[in-house]
PDB file of N, CA and C in Angstrom:
ATOM      1  N   MET A   1     -10.956-142.742 -89.761  1.00  0.00           N
ATOM      2  CA  MET A   1     -11.037-141.290 -89.656  1.00  0.00           C
ATOM      3  C   MET A   1     -11.351-140.905 -88.209  1.00  0.00           C
ATOM      4  N   ILE A   2     -10.553-140.047 -87.661  1.00  0.00           N
ATOM      5  CA  ILE A   2     -10.763-139.580 -86.290  1.00  0.00           C
ATOM      6  C   ILE A   2     -11.677-138.365 -86.331  1.00  0.00           C
ATOM      7  N   MET A   3     -12.772-138.467 -85.580  1.00  0.00           N
ATOM      8  CA  MET A   3     -13.756-137.392 -85.521  1.00  0.00           C
ATOM      9  C   MET A   3     -13.555-136.599 -84.231  1.00  0.00           C
ATOM     10  N   LYS A   4     -13.935-135.346 -84.287  1.00  0.00           N
ATOM     11  CA  LYS A   4     -13.846-134.470 -83.119  1.00  0.00           C
ATOM     12  C   LYS A   4     -15.270-134.056 -82.746  1.00  0.00           C
ATOM     13  N   THR A   5     -15.666-134.366 -81.502  1.00  0.00           N
ATOM     14  CA  THR A   5     -17.036-134.122 -81.037  1.00  0.00           C
ATOM     15  C   THR A   5     -17.067-133.012 -79.992  1.00  0.00           C
ATOM     16  N   LEU A   6     -17.996-132.078 -80.182  1.00  0.00           N
ATOM     17  CA  LEU A   6     -18.260-131.024 -79.202  1.00  0.00           C
ATOM     18  C   LEU A   6     -19.541-131.379 -78.464  1.00  0.00           C
ATOM     19  N   VAL A   7     -19.445-131.507 -77.150  1.00  0.00           N
ATOM     20  CA  VAL A   7     -20.621-131.810 -76.334  1.00  0.00           C
ATOM     21  C   VAL A   7     -21.077-130.520 -75.670  1.00  0.00           C
ATOM     22  N   ILE A   8     -22.247-130.052 -76.095  1.00  0.00           N
ATOM     23  CA  ILE A   8     -22.855-128.861 -75.508  1.00  0.00           C
ATOM     24  C   ILE A   8     -23.789-129.342 -74.397  1.00  0.00           C
ATOM     25  N   SER A   9     -23.794-128.681 -73.254  1.00  0.00           N
ATOM     26  CA  SER A   9     -24.553-129.111 -72.071  1.00  0.00           C
ATOM     27  C   SER A   9     -24.069-130.481 -71.603  1.00  0.00           C
ATOM     28  N   PRO A  10     -22.783-130.613 -71.266  1.00  0.00           N
ATOM     29  CA  PRO A  10     -22.224-131.920 -70.914  1.00  0.00           C
ATOM     30  C   PRO A  10     -22.865-132.575 -69.697  1.00  0.00           C
ATOM     31  N   GLY A  11     -23.465-131.798 -68.804  1.00  0.00           N
ATOM     32  CA  GLY A  11     -24.119-132.375 -67.642  1.00  0.00           C
ATOM     33  C   GLY A  11     -25.327-133.224 -68.006  1.00  0.00           C
ATOM     34  N   PHE A  12     -25.867-133.023 -69.187  1.00  0.00           N
ATOM     35  CA  PHE A  12     -27.040-133.755 -69.641  1.00  0.00           C
ATOM     36  C   PHE A  12     -26.675-135.141 -70.178  1.00  0.00           C
ATOM     37  N   PHE A  13     -25.483-135.291 -70.728  1.00  0.00           N
ATOM     38  CA  PHE A  13     -25.058-136.547 -71.342  1.00  0.00           C
ATOM     39  C   PHE A  13     -24.313-137.399 -70.317  1.00  0.00           C
ATOM     40  N   ASN A  14     -24.745-138.659 -70.174  1.00  0.00           N
ATOM     41  CA  ASN A  14     -24.091-139.542 -69.207  1.00  0.00           C
ATOM     42  C   ASN A  14     -22.757-140.051 -69.754  1.00  0.00           C
ATOM     43  N   GLU A  15     -21.981-140.665 -68.880  1.00  0.00           N
ATOM     44  CA  GLU A  15     -20.645-141.132 -69.257  1.00  0.00           C
ATOM     45  C   GLU A  15     -20.687-142.185 -70.362  1.00  0.00           C
ATOM     46  N   GLU A  16     -21.735-142.994 -70.398  1.00  0.00           N
ATOM     47  CA  GLU A  16     -21.868-144.000 -71.454  1.00  0.00           C
ATOM     48  C   GLU A  16     -21.983-143.327 -72.829  1.00  0.00           C
ATOM     49  N   SER A  17     -22.750-142.252 -72.891  1.00  0.00           N
ATOM     50  CA  SER A  17     -22.884-141.502 -74.143  1.00  0.00           C
ATOM     51  C   SER A  17     -21.549-140.890 -74.550  1.00  0.00           C
ATOM     52  N   ILE A  18     -20.862-140.310 -73.601  1.00  0.00           N
ATOM     53  CA  ILE A  18     -19.563-139.694 -73.871  1.00  0.00           C
ATOM     54  C   ILE A  18     -18.576-140.754 -74.357  1.00  0.00           C
ATOM     55  N   LYS A  19     -18.654-141.945 -73.787  1.00  0.00           N
ATOM     56  CA  LYS A  19     -17.761-143.037 -74.187  1.00  0.00           C
ATOM     57  C   LYS A  19     -17.975-143.400 -75.653  1.00  0.00           C
ATOM     58  N   VAL A  20     -19.219-143.437 -76.101  1.00  0.00           N
ATOM     59  CA  VAL A  20     -19.515-143.744 -77.510  1.00  0.00           C
ATOM     60  C   VAL A  20     -18.855-142.713 -78.417  1.00  0.00           C
ATOM     61  N   PHE A  21     -18.984-141.439 -78.071  1.00  0.00           N
ATOM     62  CA  PHE A  21     -18.337-140.397 -78.869  1.00  0.00           C
ATOM     63  C   PHE A  21     -16.815-140.531 -78.829  1.00  0.00           C
ATOM     64  N   SER A  22     -16.269-140.861 -77.679  1.00  0.00           N
ATOM     65  CA  SER A  22     -14.812-140.948 -77.554  1.00  0.00           C
ATOM     66  C   SER A  22     -14.238-142.109 -78.353  1.00  0.00           C
ATOM     67  N   GLU A  23     -15.036-143.126 -78.629  1.00  0.00           N
ATOM     68  CA  GLU A  23     -14.575-144.238 -79.461  1.00  0.00           C
ATOM     69  C   GLU A  23     -14.365-143.802 -80.910  1.00  0.00           C
ATOM     70  N   MET A  24     -14.970-142.695 -81.302  1.00  0.00           N
ATOM     71  CA  MET A  24     -14.812-142.174 -82.661  1.00  0.00           C
ATOM     72  C   MET A  24     -13.687-141.154 -82.761  1.00  0.00           C
ATOM     73  N   GLY A  25     -13.189-140.686 -81.619  1.00  0.00           N
ATOM     74  CA  GLY A  25     -12.126-139.685 -81.644  1.00  0.00           C
ATOM     75  C   GLY A  25     -12.119-138.840 -80.389  1.00  0.00           C
ATOM     76  N   THR A  26     -11.792-137.587 -80.555  1.00  0.00           N
ATOM     77  CA  THR A  26     -11.662-136.643 -79.452  1.00  0.00           C
ATOM     78  C   THR A  26     -13.015-136.077 -79.050  1.00  0.00           C
ATOM     79  N   VAL A  27     -13.225-135.941 -77.747  1.00  0.00           N
ATOM     80  CA  VAL A  27     -14.453-135.346 -77.217  1.00  0.00           C
ATOM     81  C   VAL A  27     -14.090-134.130 -76.380  1.00  0.00           C
ATOM     82  N   VAL A  28     -14.757-133.027 -76.658  1.00  0.00           N
ATOM     83  CA  VAL A  28     -14.559-131.804 -75.880  1.00  0.00           C
ATOM     84  C   VAL A  28     -15.900-131.405 -75.284  1.00  0.00           C
ATOM     85  N   LYS A  29     -15.924-131.263 -73.972  1.00  0.00           N
ATOM     86  CA  LYS A  29     -17.121-130.792 -73.282  1.00  0.00           C
ATOM     87  C   LYS A  29     -16.968-129.289 -73.107  1.00  0.00           C
ATOM     88  N   ILE A  30     -17.885-128.534 -73.679  1.00  0.00           N
ATOM     89  CA  ILE A  30     -17.768-127.076 -73.620  1.00  0.00           C
ATOM     90  C   ILE A  30     -18.140-126.577 -72.236  1.00  0.00           C
ATOM     91  N   LYS A  31     -17.455-125.558 -71.814  1.00  0.00           N
ATOM     92  CA  LYS A  31     -17.770-124.938 -70.527  1.00  0.00           C
ATOM     93  C   LYS A  31     -19.077-124.178 -70.666  1.00  0.00           C
ATOM     94  N   THR A  32     -19.965-124.396 -69.721  1.00  0.00           N
ATOM     95  CA  THR A  32     -21.278-123.760 -69.786  1.00  0.00           C
ATOM     96  C   THR A  32     -21.343-122.467 -68.996  1.00  0.00           C
ATOM     97  N   ASP A  33     -20.218-122.057 -68.423  1.00  0.00           N
ATOM     98  CA  ASP A  33     -20.223-120.779 -67.699  1.00  0.00           C
ATOM     99  C   ASP A  33     -20.088-119.621 -68.687  1.00  0.00           C
ATOM    100  N   GLY A  34     -20.496-118.463 -68.273  1.00  0.00           N
ATOM    101  CA  GLY A  34     -20.442-117.308 -69.166  1.00  0.00           C
ATOM    102  C   GLY A  34     -21.529-117.390 -70.229  1.00  0.00           C
ATOM    103  N   ASN A  35     -21.234-116.875 -71.398  1.00  0.00           N
ATOM    104  CA  ASN A  35     -22.192-116.878 -72.484  1.00  0.00           C
ATOM    105  C   ASN A  35     -21.962-118.116 -73.347  1.00  0.00           C
ATOM    106  N   LEU A  36     -22.809-119.119 -73.170  1.00  0.00           N
ATOM    107  CA  LEU A  36     -22.649-120.399 -73.864  1.00  0.00           C
ATOM    108  C   LEU A  36     -22.638-120.221 -75.378  1.00  0.00           C
ATOM    109  N   ARG A  37     -23.534-119.406 -75.883  1.00  0.00           N
ATOM    110  CA  ARG A  37     -23.609-119.190 -77.332  1.00  0.00           C
ATOM    111  C   ARG A  37     -22.280-118.646 -77.882  1.00  0.00           C
ATOM    112  N   ASP A  38     -21.717-117.654 -77.212  1.00  0.00           N
ATOM    113  CA  ASP A  38     -20.431-117.097 -77.649  1.00  0.00           C
ATOM    114  C   ASP A  38     -19.315-118.135 -77.561  1.00  0.00           C
ATOM    115  N   ASN A  39     -19.339-118.941 -76.492  1.00  0.00           N
ATOM    116  CA  ASN A  39     -18.332-119.995 -76.343  1.00  0.00           C
ATOM    117  C   ASN A  39     -18.407-120.996 -77.495  1.00  0.00           C
ATOM    118  N   VAL A  40     -19.624-121.360 -77.876  1.00  0.00           N
ATOM    119  CA  VAL A  40     -19.811-122.303 -78.989  1.00  0.00           C
ATOM    120  C   VAL A  40     -19.347-121.676 -80.302  1.00  0.00           C
ATOM    121  N   LEU A  41     -19.733-120.436 -80.542  1.00  0.00           N
ATOM    122  CA  LEU A  41     -19.330-119.751 -81.777  1.00  0.00           C
ATOM    123  C   LEU A  41     -17.811-119.702 -81.947  1.00  0.00           C
ATOM    124  N   LYS A  42     -17.085-119.580 -80.852  1.00  0.00           N
ATOM    125  CA  LYS A  42     -15.626-119.483 -80.911  1.00  0.00           C
ATOM    126  C   LYS A  42     -14.964-120.784 -81.358  1.00  0.00           C
ATOM    127  N   VAL A  43     -15.568-121.932 -81.036  1.00  0.00           N
ATOM    128  CA  VAL A  43     -14.875-123.205 -81.251  1.00  0.00           C
ATOM    129  C   VAL A  43     -15.539-124.166 -82.237  1.00  0.00           C
ATOM    130  N   ILE A  44     -16.769-123.923 -82.618  1.00  0.00           N
ATOM    131  CA  ILE A  44     -17.527-124.920 -83.374  1.00  0.00           C
ATOM    132  C   ILE A  44     -16.901-125.271 -84.728  1.00  0.00           C
ATOM    133  N   SER A  45     -16.113-124.379 -85.291  1.00  0.00           N
ATOM    134  CA  SER A  45     -15.508-124.646 -86.601  1.00  0.00           C
ATOM    135  C   SER A  45     -14.550-125.832 -86.575  1.00  0.00           C
ATOM    136  N   GLU A  46     -14.071-126.211 -85.413  1.00  0.00           N
ATOM    137  CA  GLU A  46     -13.107-127.303 -85.278  1.00  0.00           C
ATOM    138  C   GLU A  46     -13.736-128.693 -85.254  1.00  0.00           C
ATOM    139  N   PHE A  47     -15.070-128.789 -85.144  1.00  0.00           N
ATOM    140  CA  PHE A  47     -15.704-130.070 -84.824  1.00  0.00           C
ATOM    141  C   PHE A  47     -16.451-130.699 -85.996  1.00  0.00           C
ATOM    142  N   ASP A  48     -16.448-132.056 -85.981  1.00  0.00           N
ATOM    143  CA  ASP A  48     -17.161-132.856 -86.977  1.00  0.00           C
ATOM    144  C   ASP A  48     -18.553-133.238 -86.484  1.00  0.00           C
ATOM    145  N   ILE A  49     -18.684-133.391 -85.164  1.00  0.00           N
ATOM    146  CA  ILE A  49     -19.938-133.824 -84.538  1.00  0.00           C
ATOM    147  C   ILE A  49     -20.272-132.848 -83.417  1.00  0.00           C
ATOM    148  N   VAL A  50     -21.567-132.532 -83.290  1.00  0.00           N
ATOM    149  CA  VAL A  50     -22.038-131.728 -82.166  1.00  0.00           C
ATOM    150  C   VAL A  50     -23.127-132.527 -81.459  1.00  0.00           C
ATOM    151  N   ALA A  51     -22.975-132.707 -80.151  1.00  0.00           N
ATOM    152  CA  ALA A  51     -23.992-133.342 -79.320  1.00  0.00           C
ATOM    153  C   ALA A  51     -24.701-132.234 -78.549  1.00  0.00           C
ATOM    154  N   VAL A  52     -26.020-132.184 -78.694  1.00  0.00           N
ATOM    155  CA  VAL A  52     -26.779-131.057 -78.157  1.00  0.00           C
ATOM    156  C   VAL A  52     -28.108-131.546 -77.595  1.00  0.00           C
ATOM    157  N   LYS A  53     -28.684-130.754 -76.712  1.00  0.00           N
ATOM    158  CA  LYS A  53     -30.054-131.027 -76.273  1.00  0.00           C
ATOM    159  C   LYS A  53     -30.928-129.832 -76.640  1.00  0.00           C
ATOM    160  N   VAL A  54     -32.178-129.885 -76.305  1.00  0.00           N
ATOM    161  CA  VAL A  54     -33.167-128.936 -76.814  1.00  0.00           C
ATOM    162  C   VAL A  54     -32.965-127.496 -76.331  1.00  0.00           C
ATOM    163  N   ASP A  55     -32.253-127.294 -75.257  1.00  0.00           N
ATOM    164  CA  ASP A  55     -32.134-125.931 -74.723  1.00  0.00           C
ATOM    165  C   ASP A  55     -31.073-125.084 -75.421  1.00  0.00           C
ATOM    166  N   PHE A  56     -30.379-125.646 -76.409  1.00  0.00           N
ATOM    167  CA  PHE A  56     -29.404-124.867 -77.171  1.00  0.00           C
ATOM    168  C   PHE A  56     -29.819-124.858 -78.639  1.00  0.00           C
ATOM    169  N   VAL A  57     -29.972-123.670 -79.209  1.00  0.00           N
ATOM    170  CA  VAL A  57     -30.450-123.526 -80.582  1.00  0.00           C
ATOM    171  C   VAL A  57     -29.271-123.509 -81.556  1.00  0.00           C
ATOM    172  N   LEU A  58     -29.326-124.412 -82.515  1.00  0.00           N
ATOM    173  CA  LEU A  58     -28.347-124.429 -83.602  1.00  0.00           C
ATOM    174  C   LEU A  58     -28.974-123.733 -84.797  1.00  0.00           C
ATOM    175  N   ASP A  59     -28.855-122.405 -84.794  1.00  0.00           N
ATOM    176  CA  ASP A  59     -29.436-121.614 -85.879  1.00  0.00           C
ATOM    177  C   ASP A  59     -28.423-121.461 -87.013  1.00  0.00           C
ATOM    178  N   ARG A  60     -28.828-120.787 -88.048  1.00  0.00           N
ATOM    179  CA  ARG A  60     -27.988-120.635 -89.241  1.00  0.00           C
ATOM    180  C   ARG A  60     -26.640-119.982 -88.920  1.00  0.00           C
ATOM    181  N   LYS A  61     -26.650-118.966 -88.063  1.00  0.00           N
ATOM    182  CA  LYS A  61     -25.406-118.259 -87.736  1.00  0.00           C
ATOM    183  C   LYS A  61     -24.379-119.213 -87.134  1.00  0.00           C
ATOM    184  N   ILE A  62     -24.804-120.023 -86.201  1.00  0.00           N
ATOM    185  CA  ILE A  62     -23.887-120.985 -85.585  1.00  0.00           C
ATOM    186  C   ILE A  62     -23.471-122.046 -86.599  1.00  0.00           C
ATOM    187  N   LEU A  63     -24.424-122.555 -87.358  1.00  0.00           N
ATOM    188  CA  LEU A  63     -24.121-123.613 -88.320  1.00  0.00           C
ATOM    189  C   LEU A  63     -23.188-123.138 -89.437  1.00  0.00           C
ATOM    190  N   GLU A  64     -23.274-121.864 -89.807  1.00  0.00           N
ATOM    191  CA  GLU A  64     -22.358-121.328 -90.814  1.00  0.00           C
ATOM    192  C   GLU A  64     -20.916-121.345 -90.315  1.00  0.00           C
ATOM    193  N   GLU A  65     -20.730-121.202 -89.014  1.00  0.00           N
ATOM    194  CA  GLU A  65     -19.388-121.251 -88.424  1.00  0.00           C
ATOM    195  C   GLU A  65     -18.861-122.683 -88.330  1.00  0.00           C
ATOM    196  N   ALA A  66     -19.758-123.640 -88.385  1.00  0.00           N
ATOM    197  CA  ALA A  66     -19.388-125.057 -88.224  1.00  0.00           C
ATOM    198  C   ALA A  66     -18.932-125.627 -89.568  1.00  0.00           C
ATOM    199  N   LYS A  67     -17.761-125.206 -90.008  1.00  0.00           N
ATOM    200  CA  LYS A  67     -17.258-125.549 -91.345  1.00  0.00           C
ATOM    201  C   LYS A  67     -17.049-127.043 -91.546  1.00  0.00           C
ATOM    202  N   ASN A  68     -16.688-127.787 -90.500  1.00  0.00           N
ATOM    203  CA  ASN A  68     -16.389-129.211 -90.622  1.00  0.00           C
ATOM    204  C   ASN A  68     -17.528-130.119 -90.174  1.00  0.00           C
ATOM    205  N   LEU A  69     -18.648-129.536 -89.770  1.00  0.00           N
ATOM    206  CA  LEU A  69     -19.730-130.310 -89.165  1.00  0.00           C
ATOM    207  C   LEU A  69     -20.331-131.321 -90.138  1.00  0.00           C
ATOM    208  N   LYS A  70     -20.402-132.570 -89.674  1.00  0.00           N
ATOM    209  CA  LYS A  70     -20.973-133.653 -90.469  1.00  0.00           C
ATOM    210  C   LYS A  70     -22.215-134.252 -89.828  1.00  0.00           C
ATOM    211  N   VAL A  71     -22.260-134.225 -88.480  1.00  0.00           N
ATOM    212  CA  VAL A  71     -23.353-134.869 -87.744  1.00  0.00           C
ATOM    213  C   VAL A  71     -23.759-134.016 -86.553  1.00  0.00           C
ATOM    214  N   ILE A  72     -25.083-133.889 -86.362  1.00  0.00           N
ATOM    215  CA  ILE A  72     -25.640-133.301 -85.142  1.00  0.00           C
ATOM    216  C   ILE A  72     -26.359-134.431 -84.421  1.00  0.00           C
ATOM    217  N   ALA A  73     -25.954-134.722 -83.195  1.00  0.00           N
ATOM    218  CA  ALA A  73     -26.601-135.735 -82.371  1.00  0.00           C
ATOM    219  C   ALA A  73     -27.408-134.998 -81.311  1.00  0.00           C
ATOM    220  N   SER A  74     -28.718-135.025 -81.469  1.00  0.00           N
ATOM    221  CA  SER A  74     -29.593-134.286 -80.573  1.00  0.00           C
ATOM    222  C   SER A  74     -30.328-135.250 -79.647  1.00  0.00           C
ATOM    223  N   ALA A  75     -30.184-135.043 -78.359  1.00  0.00           N
ATOM    224  CA  ALA A  75     -30.835-135.890 -77.361  1.00  0.00           C
ATOM    225  C   ALA A  75     -32.256-135.395 -77.119  1.00  0.00           C
ATOM    226  N   THR A  76     -33.026-135.334 -78.206  1.00  0.00           N
ATOM    227  CA  THR A  76     -34.392-134.825 -78.154  1.00  0.00           C
ATOM    228  C   THR A  76     -35.280-135.632 -79.093  1.00  0.00           C
ATOM    229  N   THR A  77     -36.581-135.479 -78.930  1.00  0.00           N
ATOM    230  CA  THR A  77     -37.506-136.156 -79.853  1.00  0.00           C
ATOM    231  C   THR A  77     -37.901-135.264 -81.020  1.00  0.00           C
ATOM    232  N   GLY A  78     -37.521-134.018 -80.980  1.00  0.00           N
ATOM    233  CA  GLY A  78     -37.851-133.088 -82.061  1.00  0.00           C
ATOM    234  C   GLY A  78     -36.617-132.324 -82.508  1.00  0.00           C
ATOM    235  N   THR A  79     -36.814-131.497 -83.539  1.00  0.00           N
ATOM    236  CA  THR A  79     -35.686-130.751 -84.092  1.00  0.00           C
ATOM    237  C   THR A  79     -35.988-129.256 -84.202  1.00  0.00           C
ATOM    238  N   ASP A  80     -36.900-128.757 -83.387  1.00  0.00           N
ATOM    239  CA  ASP A  80     -37.265-127.335 -83.435  1.00  0.00           C
ATOM    240  C   ASP A  80     -36.090-126.414 -83.137  1.00  0.00           C
ATOM    241  N   HIS A  81     -35.094-126.906 -82.448  1.00  0.00           N
ATOM    242  CA  HIS A  81     -33.940-126.104 -82.056  1.00  0.00           C
ATOM    243  C   HIS A  81     -32.800-126.149 -83.081  1.00  0.00           C
ATOM    244  N   ILE A  82     -33.049-126.780 -84.225  1.00  0.00           N
ATOM    245  CA  ILE A  82     -32.040-126.918 -85.279  1.00  0.00           C
ATOM    246  C   ILE A  82     -32.606-126.332 -86.568  1.00  0.00           C
ATOM    247  N   ASP A  83     -31.815-125.546 -87.271  1.00  0.00           N
ATOM    248  CA  ASP A  83     -32.235-125.017 -88.575  1.00  0.00           C
ATOM    249  C   ASP A  83     -32.144-126.156 -89.594  1.00  0.00           C
ATOM    250  N   MET A  84     -33.223-126.938 -89.691  1.00  0.00           N
ATOM    251  CA  MET A  84     -33.238-128.137 -90.525  1.00  0.00           C
ATOM    252  C   MET A  84     -33.092-127.820 -92.017  1.00  0.00           C
ATOM    253  N   LYS A  85     -33.623-126.703 -92.439  1.00  0.00           N
ATOM    254  CA  LYS A  85     -33.492-126.322 -93.852  1.00  0.00           C
ATOM    255  C   LYS A  85     -32.012-126.141 -94.211  1.00  0.00           C
ATOM    256  N   TYR A  86     -31.292-125.450 -93.344  1.00  0.00           N
ATOM    257  CA  TYR A  86     -29.881-125.192 -93.616  1.00  0.00           C
ATOM    258  C   TYR A  86     -29.037-126.466 -93.521  1.00  0.00           C
ATOM    259  N   VAL A  87     -29.316-127.326 -92.541  1.00  0.00           N
ATOM    260  CA  VAL A  87     -28.514-128.549 -92.432  1.00  0.00           C
ATOM    261  C   VAL A  87     -28.736-129.460 -93.634  1.00  0.00           C
ATOM    262  N   LYS A  88     -29.946-129.463 -94.179  1.00  0.00           N
ATOM    263  CA  LYS A  88     -30.204-130.245 -95.396  1.00  0.00           C
ATOM    264  C   LYS A  88     -29.419-129.686 -96.575  1.00  0.00           C
ATOM    265  N   GLU A  89     -29.372-128.359 -96.691  1.00  0.00           N
ATOM    266  CA  GLU A  89     -28.588-127.725 -97.751  1.00  0.00           C
ATOM    267  C   GLU A  89     -27.121-128.122 -97.663  1.00  0.00           C
ATOM    268  N   ARG A  90     -26.618-128.213 -96.448  1.00  0.00           N
ATOM    269  CA  ARG A  90     -25.203-128.533 -96.231  1.00  0.00           C
ATOM    270  C   ARG A  90     -24.918-130.026 -96.224  1.00  0.00           C
ATOM    271  N   GLY A  91     -25.957-130.848 -96.176  1.00  0.00           N
ATOM    272  CA  GLY A  91     -25.750-132.293 -96.130  1.00  0.00           C
ATOM    273  C   GLY A  91     -25.297-132.803 -94.769  1.00  0.00           C
ATOM    274  N   ILE A  92     -25.658-132.084 -93.733  1.00  0.00           N
ATOM    275  CA  ILE A  92     -25.314-132.486 -92.368  1.00  0.00           C
ATOM    276  C   ILE A  92     -26.362-133.481 -91.886  1.00  0.00           C
ATOM    277  N   LYS A  93     -25.918-134.607 -91.358  1.00  0.00           N
ATOM    278  CA  LYS A  93     -26.812-135.640 -90.840  1.00  0.00           C
ATOM    279  C   LYS A  93     -27.275-135.248 -89.440  1.00  0.00           C
ATOM    280  N   VAL A  94     -28.580-135.379 -89.191  1.00  0.00           N
ATOM    281  CA  VAL A  94     -29.139-135.095 -87.865  1.00  0.00           C
ATOM    282  C   VAL A  94     -29.692-136.390 -87.292  1.00  0.00           C
ATOM    283  N   ILE A  95     -29.176-136.750 -86.131  1.00  0.00           N
ATOM    284  CA  ILE A  95     -29.633-137.944 -85.419  1.00  0.00           C
ATOM    285  C   ILE A  95     -30.385-137.463 -84.187  1.00  0.00           C
ATOM    286  N   PHE A  96     -31.618-137.933 -84.033  1.00  0.00           N
ATOM    287  CA  PHE A  96     -32.398-137.545 -82.854  1.00  0.00           C
ATOM    288  C   PHE A  96     -33.303-138.695 -82.465  1.00  0.00           C
ATOM    289  N   LEU A  97     -34.050-138.556 -81.399  1.00  0.00           N
ATOM    290  CA  LEU A  97     -34.860-139.628 -80.830  1.00  0.00           C
ATOM    291  C   LEU A  97     -36.268-139.645 -81.397  1.00  0.00           C
ATOM    292  N   GLU A  98     -36.386-139.585 -82.690  1.00  0.00           N
ATOM    293  CA  GLU A  98     -37.688-139.530 -83.354  1.00  0.00           C
ATOM    294  C   GLU A  98     -38.558-140.724 -82.945  1.00  0.00           C
ATOM    295  N   GLY A  99     -39.743-140.429 -82.453  1.00  0.00           N
ATOM    296  CA  GLY A  99     -40.693-141.468 -82.082  1.00  0.00           C
ATOM    297  C   GLY A  99     -40.389-142.163 -80.764  1.00  0.00           C
ATOM    298  N   ALA A 100     -39.412-141.688 -80.023  1.00  0.00           N
ATOM    299  CA  ALA A 100     -38.988-142.370 -78.796  1.00  0.00           C
ATOM    300  C   ALA A 100     -40.098-142.442 -77.751  1.00  0.00           C
ATOM    301  N   ASN A 101     -40.960-141.452 -77.676  1.00  0.00           N
ATOM    302  CA  ASN A 101     -42.001-141.420 -76.647  1.00  0.00           C
ATOM    303  C   ASN A 101     -43.395-141.709 -77.192  1.00  0.00           C
ATOM    304  N   THR A 102     -43.478-142.195 -78.399  1.00  0.00           N
ATOM    305  CA  THR A 102     -44.773-142.394 -79.041  1.00  0.00           C
ATOM    306  C   THR A 102     -45.684-143.324 -78.252  1.00  0.00           C
ATOM    307  N   GLU A 103     -45.174-144.480 -77.856  1.00  0.00           N
ATOM    308  CA  GLU A 103     -45.986-145.451 -77.130  1.00  0.00           C
ATOM    309  C   GLU A 103     -46.399-144.908 -75.761  1.00  0.00           C
ATOM    310  N   ALA A 104     -45.469-144.306 -75.057  1.00  0.00           N
ATOM    311  CA  ALA A 104     -45.778-143.752 -73.735  1.00  0.00           C
ATOM    312  C   ALA A 104     -46.816-142.639 -73.838  1.00  0.00           C
ATOM    313  N   THR A 105     -46.726-141.833 -74.875  1.00  0.00           N
ATOM    314  CA  THR A 105     -47.700-140.755 -75.072  1.00  0.00           C
ATOM    315  C   THR A 105     -49.090-141.329 -75.333  1.00  0.00           C
ATOM    316  N   ALA A 106     -49.162-142.346 -76.168  1.00  0.00           N
ATOM    317  CA  ALA A 106     -50.454-142.979 -76.461  1.00  0.00           C
ATOM    318  C   ALA A 106     -51.063-143.585 -75.203  1.00  0.00           C
ATOM    319  N   GLU A 107     -50.229-144.239 -74.398  1.00  0.00           N
ATOM    320  CA  GLU A 107     -50.720-144.822 -73.148  1.00  0.00           C
ATOM    321  C   GLU A 107     -51.243-143.742 -72.204  1.00  0.00           C
ATOM    322  N   TYR A 108     -50.541-142.638 -72.130  1.00  0.00           N
ATOM    323  CA  TYR A 108     -50.947-141.534 -71.272  1.00  0.00           C
ATOM    324  C   TYR A 108     -52.287-140.949 -71.729  1.00  0.00           C
ATOM    325  N   VAL A 109     -52.435-140.749 -73.028  1.00  0.00           N
ATOM    326  CA  VAL A 109     -53.697-140.213 -73.573  1.00  0.00           C
ATOM    327  C   VAL A 109     -54.841-141.176 -73.273  1.00  0.00           C
ATOM    328  N   PHE A 110     -54.596-142.464 -73.448  1.00  0.00           N
ATOM    329  CA  PHE A 110     -55.642-143.453 -73.169  1.00  0.00           C
ATOM    330  C   PHE A 110     -56.011-143.422 -71.679  1.00  0.00           C
ATOM    331  N   ALA A 111     -55.038-143.293 -70.808  1.00  0.00           N
ATOM    332  CA  ALA A 111     -55.304-143.214 -69.378  1.00  0.00           C
ATOM    333  C   ALA A 111     -56.125-141.973 -69.041  1.00  0.00           C
ATOM    334  N   LEU A 112     -55.824-140.861 -69.684  1.00  0.00           N
ATOM    335  CA  LEU A 112     -56.623-139.648 -69.481  1.00  0.00           C
ATOM    336  C   LEU A 112     -58.060-139.838 -69.945  1.00  0.00           C
ATOM    337  N   LEU A 113     -58.231-140.525 -71.067  1.00  0.00           N
ATOM    338  CA  LEU A 113     -59.577-140.803 -71.553  1.00  0.00           C
ATOM    339  C   LEU A 113     -60.351-141.661 -70.557  1.00  0.00           C
ATOM    340  N   LEU A 114     -59.685-142.655 -69.993  1.00  0.00           N
ATOM    341  CA  LEU A 114     -60.330-143.509 -68.996  1.00  0.00           C
ATOM    342  C   LEU A 114     -60.721-142.725 -67.751  1.00  0.00           C
ATOM    343  N   SER A 115     -59.895-141.762 -67.398  1.00  0.00           N
ATOM    344  CA  SER A 115     -60.191-140.983 -66.196  1.00  0.00           C
ATOM    345  C   SER A 115     -61.406-140.074 -66.377  1.00  0.00           C
ATOM    346  N   LEU A 116     -61.716-139.745 -67.617  1.00  0.00           N
ATOM    347  CA  LEU A 116     -62.901-138.930 -67.861  1.00  0.00           C
ATOM    348  C   LEU A 116     -64.154-139.726 -67.627  1.00  0.00           C
TER     349      LEU A 116
END
């Protein structure tokens, strides 16, 4: 099955990441000039996968337009920018960096404690 991926904020994703998406099918990097939200709303219905970072909100209005969406790949450790209730209702898979900074955060807190 050939998947179609929309990369929002393409400057954030390195070429290696884009290559992984391209191995699954077509990759489109959205133009970030003008009104990004309006640009996404115009085209999102065509895509199976959306790659996003934390500065773009995938709210219910946008997700309702994403008729073919199967996967959201978020380059973040949290999902505050995604309407998780709605994606669960729709059965959309969300992939994110859960727990990616846990060890570094603990080390930082311990270092702060030592500095006191």
